[in-house]
């Protein structure tokens, strides 16, 4: 999923507030009645830097390949 707007989050290690930017990609870990999703945000090495519950209206499905 990709963010459709900036979202404040807490950095997993430092516990400091960070801003996840519009367009940033994350992996959905859990769905809450299609209203919100637990999303993992990780760096290029796969290390999680934020994990947040994001409302569905702030997420956009992202396609990596052409579908039918």
C-alpha atoms as a PDB file:
ATOM      1  CA  UNK A   1       0.000   0.000   0.000  1.00  0.00           C
ATOM      2  CA  UNK A   2       1.068   3.592  -0.516  1.00  0.00           C
ATOM      3  CA  UNK A   3       0.158   6.560   1.650  1.00  0.00           C
ATOM      4  CA  UNK A   4      -2.111   9.153   0.040  1.00  0.00           C
ATOM      5  CA  UNK A   5      -1.095  11.829   2.541  1.00  0.00           C
ATOM      6  CA  UNK A   6       1.594  12.494   5.141  1.00  0.00           C
ATOM      7  CA  UNK A   7       1.115  10.593   8.426  1.00  0.00           C
ATOM      8  CA  UNK A   8       2.830  11.148  11.764  1.00  0.00           C
ATOM      9  CA  UNK A   9       4.368   8.004  13.221  1.00  0.00           C
ATOM     10  CA  UNK A  10       6.704   6.891  15.987  1.00  0.00           C
ATOM     11  CA  UNK A  11      10.135   5.580  14.983  1.00  0.00           C
ATOM     12  CA  UNK A  12      10.369   1.965  16.176  1.00  0.00           C
ATOM     13  CA  UNK A  13      13.849   2.237  17.714  1.00  0.00           C
ATOM     14  CA  UNK A  14      14.238   5.874  18.787  1.00  0.00           C
ATOM     15  CA  UNK A  15      10.546   6.399  19.739  1.00  0.00           C
ATOM     16  CA  UNK A  16      10.835   9.877  18.150  1.00  0.00           C
ATOM     17  CA  UNK A  17       8.035  11.340  16.058  1.00  0.00           C
ATOM     18  CA  UNK A  18       8.647  11.019  12.310  1.00  0.00           C
ATOM     19  CA  UNK A  19       6.596  11.864   9.238  1.00  0.00           C
ATOM     20  CA  UNK A  20       5.765   9.118   6.780  1.00  0.00           C
ATOM     21  CA  UNK A  21       5.463  10.929   3.441  1.00  0.00           C
ATOM     22  CA  UNK A  22       2.705  10.708   0.860  1.00  0.00           C
ATOM     23  CA  UNK A  23       3.632   7.953  -1.602  1.00  0.00           C
ATOM     24  CA  UNK A  24       5.658   5.989   0.927  1.00  0.00           C
ATOM     25  CA  UNK A  25       5.155   2.234   0.545  1.00  0.00           C
ATOM     26  CA  UNK A  26       4.330  -0.164   3.355  1.00  0.00           C
ATOM     27  CA  UNK A  27       3.287  -3.784   3.839  1.00  0.00           C
ATOM     28  CA  UNK A  28      -0.141  -4.561   5.274  1.00  0.00           C
ATOM     29  CA  UNK A  29       0.124  -6.914   8.247  1.00  0.00           C
ATOM     30  CA  UNK A  30      -3.464  -6.885   9.465  1.00  0.00           C
ATOM     31  CA  UNK A  31      -6.874  -5.606   8.364  1.00  0.00           C
ATOM     32  CA  UNK A  32      -9.478  -4.132  10.725  1.00  0.00           C
ATOM     33  CA  UNK A  33     -12.928  -4.497   9.041  1.00  0.00           C
ATOM     34  CA  UNK A  34     -11.579  -2.850   5.850  1.00  0.00           C
ATOM     35  CA  UNK A  35     -11.623   0.443   7.781  1.00  0.00           C
ATOM     36  CA  UNK A  36      -7.985   0.491   8.920  1.00  0.00           C
ATOM     37  CA  UNK A  37      -4.810  -1.508   8.414  1.00  0.00           C
ATOM     38  CA  UNK A  38      -1.717  -2.267  10.451  1.00  0.00           C
ATOM     39  CA  UNK A  39       1.092  -1.284   8.074  1.00  0.00           C
ATOM     40  CA  UNK A  40       4.808  -2.031   8.382  1.00  0.00           C
ATOM     41  CA  UNK A  41       7.220   0.551   6.936  1.00  0.00           C
ATOM     42  CA  UNK A  42      10.728  -0.796   6.351  1.00  0.00           C
ATOM     43  CA  UNK A  43      13.991   0.353   4.781  1.00  0.00           C
ATOM     44  CA  UNK A  44      15.666  -1.238   1.735  1.00  0.00           C
ATOM     45  CA  UNK A  45      17.287  -3.875   3.985  1.00  0.00           C
ATOM     46  CA  UNK A  46      13.896  -4.910   5.396  1.00  0.00           C
ATOM     47  CA  UNK A  47      14.396  -3.328   8.829  1.00  0.00           C
ATOM     48  CA  UNK A  48      11.166  -1.894  10.213  1.00  0.00           C
ATOM     49  CA  UNK A  49      11.355   1.767  11.194  1.00  0.00           C
ATOM     50  CA  UNK A  50       7.621   2.303  11.816  1.00  0.00           C
ATOM     51  CA  UNK A  51       4.505   0.205  12.266  1.00  0.00           C
ATOM     52  CA  UNK A  52       1.244   2.122  12.391  1.00  0.00           C
ATOM     53  CA  UNK A  53      -2.490   1.584  12.120  1.00  0.00           C
ATOM     54  CA  UNK A  54      -3.583   3.642   9.115  1.00  0.00           C
ATOM     55  CA  UNK A  55      -7.193   4.379   8.107  1.00  0.00           C
ATOM     56  CA  UNK A  56      -8.239   2.996   4.730  1.00  0.00           C
ATOM     57  CA  UNK A  57      -8.893   6.465   3.315  1.00  0.00           C
ATOM     58  CA  UNK A  58      -5.172   7.299   3.686  1.00  0.00           C
ATOM     59  CA  UNK A  59      -3.997   4.245   1.702  1.00  0.00           C
ATOM     60  CA  UNK A  60      -3.858   3.398  -1.980  1.00  0.00           C
ATOM     61  CA  UNK A  61      -3.367  -0.094  -3.380  1.00  0.00           C
ATOM     62  CA  UNK A  62      -0.087  -0.282  -5.289  1.00  0.00           C
ATOM     63  CA  UNK A  63       0.450  -2.669  -8.228  1.00  0.00           C
ATOM     64  CA  UNK A  64       3.913  -3.947  -9.174  1.00  0.00           C
ATOM     65  CA  UNK A  65       2.805  -5.736 -12.326  1.00  0.00           C
ATOM     66  CA  UNK A  66       0.037  -5.693 -14.883  1.00  0.00           C
ATOM     67  CA  UNK A  67      -3.065  -7.583 -13.766  1.00  0.00           C
ATOM     68  CA  UNK A  68      -6.106  -8.997 -15.552  1.00  0.00           C
END
